[in-house]
Amino acid sequence: MRLESLPTGVGTAGTMTLLAGRPEHLYTTHNYHNRRVITIMSGFHHFQTNGVSDPAPEKHLINETFQCFWHWPQCQDLHCNDFFYGYNLSRHLQEKHGIHGSDKDHVFCLWNSCYLELNKESLTRHVEEKHLKIVHPCGCGKEFSRRDTLNRHRREKQH
């Protein structure tokens, strides 16, 4: 799904499809420089229909909905813009972006022009930590940027 700002009065049917079934308290509409802008709020993460997400908050949970900013290799100006749950990131990268192969294969992160080269096995962890800012909370109140660190903490503290 590609999201963008729509000029006032244009694309109303597409906008209504986008908003169908969403409670009104989860989105706002306003005009900005003669363009209709719809801000869609998903969990604690807010998305604007011009494809730019709000900078705050800096921490997110794995069960939130995110907008994909993976660049299409054919056109650097286009992002995927699909929505997915954080816990489905790996499947999204496999199904939509063809990230397959051995864990030791080298891949490039195309999230928002990152272009970091890393092993495929590290890609999901990298996107979660660096781009989505996902944290994994423990019942004791501590938060961890990586799930394996949370699991190690739970084993060591036995909680």
N, C-alpha and C. Protein backbone atom coordinates (compact mmCIF):
# COMPACT_ATOMS: atom_id res chain seq x y z
N MET A 1 0.84 -1.17 0.00
CA MET A 1 0.00 0.00 0.00
C MET A 1 0.89 1.23 0.00
N ARG A 2 0.78 2.09 -0.95
CA ARG A 2 1.56 3.31 -1.01
C ARG A 2 0.75 4.44 -0.40
N LEU A 3 1.34 5.13 0.56
CA LEU A 3 0.66 6.23 1.22
C LEU A 3 1.30 7.53 0.80
N GLU A 4 0.49 8.53 0.57
CA GLU A 4 1.03 9.82 0.19
C GLU A 4 0.04 10.91 0.54
N SER A 5 0.53 12.14 0.57
CA SER A 5 -0.35 13.27 0.79
C SER A 5 -1.17 13.48 -0.47
N LEU A 6 -2.42 13.74 -0.29
CA LEU A 6 -3.31 13.94 -1.43
C LEU A 6 -3.72 15.40 -1.49
N PRO A 7 -3.69 16.05 -2.66
CA PRO A 7 -4.21 17.41 -2.76
C PRO A 7 -5.67 17.42 -2.33
N THR A 8 -6.10 18.51 -1.71
CA THR A 8 -7.45 18.61 -1.21
C THR A 8 -8.46 18.28 -2.30
N GLY A 9 -9.39 17.39 -1.98
CA GLY A 9 -10.46 17.04 -2.89
C GLY A 9 -10.09 15.99 -3.91
N VAL A 10 -8.86 15.51 -3.93
CA VAL A 10 -8.45 14.51 -4.90
C VAL A 10 -8.20 13.20 -4.17
N GLY A 11 -8.61 12.10 -4.75
CA GLY A 11 -8.31 10.79 -4.18
C GLY A 11 -9.15 10.43 -2.98
N THR A 12 -10.30 11.01 -2.85
CA THR A 12 -11.13 10.76 -1.68
C THR A 12 -11.51 9.29 -1.56
N ALA A 13 -11.83 8.63 -2.66
CA ALA A 13 -12.21 7.21 -2.60
C ALA A 13 -11.06 6.36 -2.07
N GLY A 14 -9.84 6.60 -2.55
CA GLY A 14 -8.68 5.85 -2.07
C GLY A 14 -8.41 6.13 -0.60
N THR A 15 -8.58 7.37 -0.20
CA THR A 15 -8.37 7.73 1.19
C THR A 15 -9.40 7.04 2.07
N MET A 16 -10.64 7.01 1.63
CA MET A 16 -11.69 6.36 2.41
C MET A 16 -11.42 4.86 2.52
N THR A 17 -10.89 4.24 1.47
CA THR A 17 -10.52 2.83 1.53
C THR A 17 -9.44 2.62 2.57
N LEU A 18 -8.45 3.50 2.57
CA LEU A 18 -7.35 3.44 3.53
C LEU A 18 -7.87 3.53 4.96
N LEU A 19 -8.87 4.36 5.19
CA LEU A 19 -9.37 4.61 6.53
C LEU A 19 -10.53 3.70 6.92
N ALA A 20 -11.04 2.91 5.98
CA ALA A 20 -12.19 2.06 6.25
C ALA A 20 -11.92 1.16 7.44
N GLY A 21 -12.83 1.17 8.38
CA GLY A 21 -12.72 0.31 9.54
C GLY A 21 -11.85 0.85 10.66
N ARG A 22 -11.19 1.97 10.44
CA ARG A 22 -10.35 2.54 11.49
C ARG A 22 -11.21 3.47 12.35
N PRO A 23 -11.16 3.30 13.67
CA PRO A 23 -11.89 4.24 14.53
C PRO A 23 -11.37 5.66 14.32
N GLU A 24 -12.27 6.64 14.39
CA GLU A 24 -11.89 8.02 14.10
C GLU A 24 -10.81 8.55 15.03
N HIS A 25 -10.71 8.03 16.25
CA HIS A 25 -9.67 8.54 17.16
C HIS A 25 -8.28 8.06 16.77
N LEU A 26 -8.16 7.18 15.75
CA LEU A 26 -6.85 6.69 15.34
C LEU A 26 -6.27 7.44 14.14
N TYR A 27 -6.96 8.45 13.66
CA TYR A 27 -6.41 9.25 12.58
C TYR A 27 -6.93 10.67 12.65
N THR A 28 -6.18 11.58 12.09
CA THR A 28 -6.61 12.97 11.98
C THR A 28 -6.37 13.43 10.55
N THR A 29 -7.16 14.37 10.11
CA THR A 29 -6.97 14.95 8.78
C THR A 29 -6.79 16.45 8.93
N HIS A 30 -5.96 17.03 8.11
CA HIS A 30 -5.77 18.47 8.11
C HIS A 30 -5.17 18.89 6.77
N ASN A 31 -5.23 20.16 6.48
CA ASN A 31 -4.65 20.68 5.25
C ASN A 31 -3.31 21.32 5.56
N TYR A 32 -2.36 21.09 4.67
CA TYR A 32 -1.04 21.66 4.81
C TYR A 32 -0.58 22.09 3.43
N HIS A 33 -0.42 23.38 3.20
CA HIS A 33 -0.03 23.91 1.90
C HIS A 33 -0.90 23.35 0.77
N ASN A 34 -2.22 23.44 0.98
CA ASN A 34 -3.21 22.98 0.00
C ASN A 34 -3.12 21.48 -0.30
N ARG A 35 -2.60 20.72 0.62
CA ARG A 35 -2.56 19.26 0.48
C ARG A 35 -3.26 18.65 1.68
N ARG A 36 -4.07 17.66 1.41
CA ARG A 36 -4.76 16.97 2.48
C ARG A 36 -3.80 15.96 3.09
N VAL A 37 -3.56 16.05 4.38
CA VAL A 37 -2.65 15.15 5.07
C VAL A 37 -3.45 14.37 6.10
N ILE A 38 -3.28 13.08 6.09
CA ILE A 38 -3.93 12.22 7.06
C ILE A 38 -2.85 11.59 7.91
N THR A 39 -2.93 11.77 9.20
CA THR A 39 -1.99 11.14 10.12
C THR A 39 -2.67 9.92 10.69
N ILE A 40 -2.09 8.75 10.45
CA ILE A 40 -2.64 7.49 10.95
C ILE A 40 -1.81 7.07 12.14
N MET A 41 -2.48 6.82 13.25
CA MET A 41 -1.78 6.40 14.45
C MET A 41 -1.95 4.90 14.63
N SER A 42 -0.85 4.21 14.78
CA SER A 42 -0.88 2.77 14.93
C SER A 42 -0.10 2.40 16.18
N GLY A 43 -0.79 1.90 17.18
CA GLY A 43 -0.13 1.64 18.45
C GLY A 43 0.41 2.96 18.98
N PHE A 44 1.70 3.00 19.29
CA PHE A 44 2.33 4.23 19.74
C PHE A 44 3.08 4.91 18.60
N HIS A 45 3.05 4.32 17.41
CA HIS A 45 3.82 4.85 16.29
C HIS A 45 2.88 5.58 15.35
N HIS A 46 3.20 6.78 14.99
CA HIS A 46 2.33 7.58 14.15
C HIS A 46 2.92 7.64 12.75
N PHE A 47 2.06 7.44 11.75
CA PHE A 47 2.48 7.51 10.36
C PHE A 47 1.74 8.63 9.68
N GLN A 48 2.42 9.37 8.84
CA GLN A 48 1.76 10.37 8.04
C GLN A 48 1.65 9.83 6.63
N THR A 49 0.62 10.26 5.93
CA THR A 49 0.37 9.70 4.62
C THR A 49 1.32 10.22 3.56
N ASN A 50 2.27 11.06 3.92
CA ASN A 50 3.28 11.46 2.95
C ASN A 50 4.48 10.52 3.01
N GLY A 51 4.36 9.43 3.76
CA GLY A 51 5.41 8.42 3.81
C GLY A 51 6.48 8.70 4.85
N VAL A 52 6.37 9.79 5.59
CA VAL A 52 7.36 10.14 6.60
C VAL A 52 6.75 9.88 7.96
N SER A 53 7.40 9.10 8.78
CA SER A 53 6.86 8.83 10.10
C SER A 53 7.34 9.90 11.07
N ASP A 54 6.52 10.15 12.09
CA ASP A 54 6.90 11.11 13.11
C ASP A 54 8.14 10.61 13.82
N PRO A 55 9.03 11.51 14.26
CA PRO A 55 10.27 11.07 14.91
C PRO A 55 10.05 10.47 16.29
N ALA A 56 8.98 10.80 16.99
CA ALA A 56 8.76 10.29 18.33
C ALA A 56 7.68 9.23 18.28
N PRO A 57 7.64 8.30 19.13
CA PRO A 57 8.57 8.02 20.21
C PRO A 57 9.79 7.25 19.71
N GLU A 58 10.81 7.17 20.53
CA GLU A 58 12.05 6.51 20.13
C GLU A 58 12.09 5.04 20.52
N LYS A 59 11.06 4.55 21.21
CA LYS A 59 11.01 3.14 21.59
C LYS A 59 9.68 2.56 21.14
N HIS A 60 9.73 1.34 20.64
CA HIS A 60 8.53 0.66 20.18
C HIS A 60 8.54 -0.78 20.65
N LEU A 61 7.35 -1.38 20.70
CA LEU A 61 7.22 -2.77 21.09
C LEU A 61 7.06 -3.65 19.85
N ILE A 62 7.42 -4.90 19.98
CA ILE A 62 7.42 -5.85 18.86
C ILE A 62 6.02 -6.07 18.30
N ASN A 63 4.97 -5.82 19.09
CA ASN A 63 3.61 -6.08 18.62
C ASN A 63 2.95 -4.85 17.99
N GLU A 64 3.71 -3.78 17.77
CA GLU A 64 3.18 -2.60 17.11
C GLU A 64 3.18 -2.77 15.59
N THR A 65 2.43 -1.92 14.92
CA THR A 65 2.38 -1.91 13.47
C THR A 65 3.39 -0.89 12.96
N PHE A 66 4.13 -1.29 11.93
CA PHE A 66 5.15 -0.43 11.34
C PHE A 66 4.92 -0.28 9.85
N GLN A 67 5.41 0.80 9.30
CA GLN A 67 5.37 1.03 7.86
C GLN A 67 6.75 0.72 7.30
N CYS A 68 6.80 -0.04 6.22
CA CYS A 68 8.07 -0.47 5.65
C CYS A 68 8.69 0.65 4.81
N PHE A 69 9.92 1.01 5.13
CA PHE A 69 10.67 2.01 4.38
C PHE A 69 11.81 1.38 3.59
N TRP A 70 11.63 0.13 3.19
CA TRP A 70 12.61 -0.58 2.37
C TRP A 70 12.52 -0.02 0.96
N HIS A 71 13.65 0.42 0.42
CA HIS A 71 13.68 0.97 -0.94
C HIS A 71 13.49 -0.13 -1.96
N TRP A 72 12.74 0.17 -3.00
CA TRP A 72 12.66 -0.74 -4.14
C TRP A 72 13.94 -0.56 -4.94
N PRO A 73 14.68 -1.62 -5.22
CA PRO A 73 15.95 -1.50 -5.93
C PRO A 73 15.81 -0.81 -7.30
N GLN A 74 14.65 -0.98 -7.94
CA GLN A 74 14.45 -0.41 -9.26
C GLN A 74 14.30 1.11 -9.22
N CYS A 75 13.86 1.65 -8.09
CA CYS A 75 13.60 3.09 -8.02
C CYS A 75 13.89 3.59 -6.61
N GLN A 76 14.96 4.33 -6.45
CA GLN A 76 15.38 4.78 -5.13
C GLN A 76 14.40 5.75 -4.48
N ASP A 77 13.47 6.31 -5.27
CA ASP A 77 12.52 7.26 -4.71
C ASP A 77 11.30 6.60 -4.09
N LEU A 78 11.14 5.28 -4.27
CA LEU A 78 9.96 4.59 -3.77
C LEU A 78 10.31 3.66 -2.62
N HIS A 79 9.46 3.69 -1.59
CA HIS A 79 9.56 2.74 -0.49
C HIS A 79 8.48 1.69 -0.67
N CYS A 80 8.62 0.59 0.01
CA CYS A 80 7.61 -0.47 -0.01
C CYS A 80 6.29 0.06 0.56
N ASN A 81 6.34 0.69 1.73
CA ASN A 81 5.20 1.31 2.41
C ASN A 81 4.13 0.33 2.88
N ASP A 82 4.36 -0.98 2.81
CA ASP A 82 3.42 -1.94 3.40
C ASP A 82 3.44 -1.78 4.91
N PHE A 83 2.34 -2.17 5.55
CA PHE A 83 2.28 -2.20 7.00
C PHE A 83 2.47 -3.63 7.47
N PHE A 84 3.16 -3.80 8.59
CA PHE A 84 3.39 -5.13 9.15
C PHE A 84 3.57 -4.99 10.65
N TYR A 85 3.32 -6.08 11.37
CA TYR A 85 3.61 -6.12 12.80
C TYR A 85 5.10 -6.38 12.98
N GLY A 86 5.68 -5.82 14.04
CA GLY A 86 7.10 -6.01 14.29
C GLY A 86 7.51 -7.46 14.34
N TYR A 87 6.67 -8.31 14.92
CA TYR A 87 7.02 -9.73 15.02
C TYR A 87 6.96 -10.44 13.68
N ASN A 88 6.44 -9.78 12.62
CA ASN A 88 6.40 -10.36 11.28
C ASN A 88 7.46 -9.77 10.36
N LEU A 89 8.41 -9.02 10.88
CA LEU A 89 9.42 -8.37 10.06
C LEU A 89 10.19 -9.36 9.20
N SER A 90 10.66 -10.44 9.78
CA SER A 90 11.45 -11.42 9.02
C SER A 90 10.64 -12.00 7.86
N ARG A 91 9.40 -12.36 8.13
CA ARG A 91 8.54 -12.90 7.07
C ARG A 91 8.27 -11.84 6.00
N HIS A 92 8.06 -10.59 6.40
CA HIS A 92 7.84 -9.51 5.44
C HIS A 92 9.07 -9.36 4.52
N LEU A 93 10.26 -9.36 5.10
CA LEU A 93 11.48 -9.23 4.29
C LEU A 93 11.65 -10.41 3.33
N GLN A 94 11.27 -11.60 3.77
CA GLN A 94 11.37 -12.77 2.89
C GLN A 94 10.35 -12.71 1.76
N GLU A 95 9.08 -12.47 2.12
CA GLU A 95 8.00 -12.55 1.14
C GLU A 95 7.94 -11.35 0.20
N LYS A 96 8.18 -10.16 0.71
CA LYS A 96 8.02 -8.96 -0.11
C LYS A 96 9.31 -8.49 -0.76
N HIS A 97 10.46 -8.82 -0.14
CA HIS A 97 11.72 -8.28 -0.63
C HIS A 97 12.73 -9.35 -1.02
N GLY A 98 12.31 -10.61 -1.00
CA GLY A 98 13.14 -11.70 -1.51
C GLY A 98 14.41 -11.96 -0.72
N ILE A 99 14.39 -11.71 0.57
CA ILE A 99 15.57 -11.97 1.41
C ILE A 99 15.57 -13.47 1.75
N HIS A 100 16.33 -14.25 0.98
CA HIS A 100 16.41 -15.70 1.14
C HIS A 100 17.88 -16.11 1.11
N GLY A 101 18.13 -17.37 1.42
CA GLY A 101 19.48 -17.90 1.31
C GLY A 101 20.07 -18.28 2.64
N SER A 102 21.35 -18.59 2.61
CA SER A 102 22.08 -19.00 3.80
C SER A 102 22.21 -17.84 4.78
N ASP A 103 22.23 -18.16 6.06
CA ASP A 103 22.38 -17.11 7.08
C ASP A 103 23.69 -16.33 6.92
N LYS A 104 24.70 -16.96 6.34
CA LYS A 104 26.01 -16.31 6.17
C LYS A 104 26.10 -15.51 4.87
N ASP A 105 25.07 -15.56 4.01
CA ASP A 105 25.07 -14.75 2.79
C ASP A 105 25.10 -13.27 3.16
N HIS A 106 25.79 -12.49 2.36
CA HIS A 106 25.85 -11.05 2.60
C HIS A 106 24.68 -10.37 1.90
N VAL A 107 24.04 -9.46 2.62
CA VAL A 107 22.93 -8.68 2.08
C VAL A 107 23.16 -7.21 2.44
N PHE A 108 22.46 -6.34 1.75
CA PHE A 108 22.51 -4.92 2.06
C PHE A 108 21.18 -4.50 2.66
N CYS A 109 21.23 -3.71 3.70
CA CYS A 109 20.01 -3.16 4.28
C CYS A 109 19.57 -1.99 3.40
N LEU A 110 18.38 -2.11 2.82
CA LEU A 110 17.85 -1.04 1.97
C LEU A 110 16.80 -0.20 2.68
N TRP A 111 16.77 -0.29 4.01
CA TRP A 111 15.82 0.48 4.79
C TRP A 111 16.25 1.94 4.78
N ASN A 112 15.45 2.78 4.18
CA ASN A 112 15.70 4.23 4.16
C ASN A 112 17.13 4.58 3.75
N SER A 113 17.64 3.92 2.75
CA SER A 113 18.99 4.18 2.21
C SER A 113 20.10 3.90 3.22
N CYS A 114 19.94 2.92 4.06
CA CYS A 114 20.97 2.55 5.03
C CYS A 114 22.19 1.97 4.33
N TYR A 115 22.00 0.97 3.48
CA TYR A 115 23.04 0.32 2.67
C TYR A 115 24.13 -0.36 3.48
N LEU A 116 23.89 -0.67 4.72
CA LEU A 116 24.86 -1.42 5.51
C LEU A 116 24.92 -2.85 4.99
N GLU A 117 26.13 -3.36 4.78
CA GLU A 117 26.30 -4.75 4.37
C GLU A 117 26.46 -5.60 5.62
N LEU A 118 25.69 -6.69 5.70
CA LEU A 118 25.75 -7.56 6.86
C LEU A 118 25.31 -8.97 6.46
N ASN A 119 25.53 -9.93 7.36
CA ASN A 119 25.06 -11.29 7.12
C ASN A 119 23.54 -11.30 7.17
N LYS A 120 22.92 -12.17 6.36
CA LYS A 120 21.46 -12.26 6.32
C LYS A 120 20.90 -12.54 7.71
N GLU A 121 21.60 -13.37 8.49
CA GLU A 121 21.12 -13.72 9.82
C GLU A 121 21.01 -12.51 10.75
N SER A 122 21.71 -11.43 10.44
CA SER A 122 21.70 -10.23 11.28
C SER A 122 20.74 -9.15 10.79
N LEU A 123 20.15 -9.34 9.61
CA LEU A 123 19.34 -8.27 9.01
C LEU A 123 18.11 -7.92 9.84
N THR A 124 17.33 -8.92 10.23
CA THR A 124 16.11 -8.64 11.01
C THR A 124 16.46 -7.94 12.32
N ARG A 125 17.47 -8.44 12.99
CA ARG A 125 17.91 -7.84 14.26
C ARG A 125 18.36 -6.39 14.03
N HIS A 126 19.08 -6.14 12.96
CA HIS A 126 19.55 -4.79 12.63
C HIS A 126 18.37 -3.84 12.40
N VAL A 127 17.40 -4.26 11.59
CA VAL A 127 16.25 -3.39 11.29
C VAL A 127 15.45 -3.13 12.56
N GLU A 128 15.22 -4.18 13.37
CA GLU A 128 14.49 -4.00 14.63
C GLU A 128 15.18 -2.98 15.53
N GLU A 129 16.48 -3.13 15.68
CA GLU A 129 17.23 -2.30 16.63
C GLU A 129 17.50 -0.90 16.11
N LYS A 130 18.01 -0.78 14.90
CA LYS A 130 18.47 0.52 14.39
C LYS A 130 17.39 1.36 13.73
N HIS A 131 16.45 0.70 13.05
CA HIS A 131 15.46 1.47 12.28
C HIS A 131 14.10 1.53 12.96
N LEU A 132 13.63 0.42 13.51
CA LEU A 132 12.32 0.40 14.14
C LEU A 132 12.37 0.78 15.61
N LYS A 133 13.55 0.75 16.19
CA LYS A 133 13.75 1.09 17.61
C LYS A 133 12.89 0.23 18.53
N ILE A 134 12.84 -1.07 18.22
CA ILE A 134 12.05 -2.00 19.03
C ILE A 134 12.82 -2.33 20.29
N VAL A 135 12.11 -2.30 21.41
CA VAL A 135 12.68 -2.72 22.69
C VAL A 135 11.91 -3.94 23.18
N HIS A 136 12.61 -4.76 23.93
CA HIS A 136 12.03 -5.98 24.49
C HIS A 136 12.04 -5.80 26.01
N PRO A 137 10.87 -5.51 26.62
CA PRO A 137 10.83 -5.25 28.06
C PRO A 137 10.79 -6.54 28.88
N CYS A 138 11.37 -6.47 30.04
CA CYS A 138 11.31 -7.56 31.01
C CYS A 138 10.32 -7.14 32.10
N GLY A 139 9.74 -8.11 32.76
CA GLY A 139 8.80 -7.83 33.84
C GLY A 139 9.42 -7.05 35.00
N CYS A 140 10.74 -7.05 35.10
CA CYS A 140 11.42 -6.34 36.19
C CYS A 140 11.55 -4.84 35.90
N GLY A 141 11.18 -4.43 34.68
CA GLY A 141 11.26 -3.01 34.34
C GLY A 141 12.40 -2.65 33.39
N LYS A 142 13.35 -3.55 33.21
CA LYS A 142 14.45 -3.28 32.28
C LYS A 142 13.99 -3.51 30.85
N GLU A 143 14.62 -2.78 29.92
CA GLU A 143 14.33 -2.93 28.49
C GLU A 143 15.62 -3.28 27.76
N PHE A 144 15.48 -4.10 26.73
CA PHE A 144 16.64 -4.54 25.96
C PHE A 144 16.36 -4.32 24.48
N SER A 145 17.39 -3.91 23.74
CA SER A 145 17.23 -3.66 22.31
C SER A 145 17.24 -4.95 21.51
N ARG A 146 17.70 -6.03 22.12
CA ARG A 146 17.77 -7.31 21.42
C ARG A 146 17.07 -8.39 22.23
N ARG A 147 16.32 -9.24 21.53
CA ARG A 147 15.58 -10.31 22.19
C ARG A 147 16.51 -11.31 22.86
N ASP A 148 17.66 -11.63 22.23
CA ASP A 148 18.58 -12.59 22.83
C ASP A 148 19.16 -12.05 24.14
N THR A 149 19.34 -10.74 24.23
CA THR A 149 19.84 -10.14 25.48
C THR A 149 18.78 -10.24 26.57
N LEU A 150 17.51 -10.01 26.21
CA LEU A 150 16.41 -10.19 27.17
C LEU A 150 16.37 -11.63 27.66
N ASN A 151 16.47 -12.59 26.74
CA ASN A 151 16.43 -14.00 27.14
C ASN A 151 17.58 -14.36 28.06
N ARG A 152 18.79 -13.85 27.76
CA ARG A 152 19.95 -14.11 28.63
C ARG A 152 19.71 -13.50 30.02
N HIS A 153 19.17 -12.28 30.05
CA HIS A 153 18.85 -11.61 31.32
C HIS A 153 17.87 -12.46 32.14
N ARG A 154 16.83 -12.96 31.47
CA ARG A 154 15.82 -13.77 32.17
C ARG A 154 16.44 -15.07 32.73
N ARG A 155 17.33 -15.69 31.96
CA ARG A 155 17.99 -16.91 32.43
C ARG A 155 18.88 -16.62 33.65
N GLU A 156 19.64 -15.54 33.56
CA GLU A 156 20.57 -15.21 34.64
C GLU A 156 19.85 -14.77 35.90
N LYS A 157 18.79 -14.01 35.73
CA LYS A 157 18.04 -13.49 36.90
C LYS A 157 16.91 -14.42 37.30
N GLN A 158 16.67 -15.44 36.51
CA GLN A 158 15.63 -16.44 36.75
C GLN A 158 14.26 -15.81 36.99
N HIS A 159 13.88 -14.95 36.01
CA HIS A 159 12.51 -14.40 36.05
C HIS A 159 11.97 -14.19 34.68
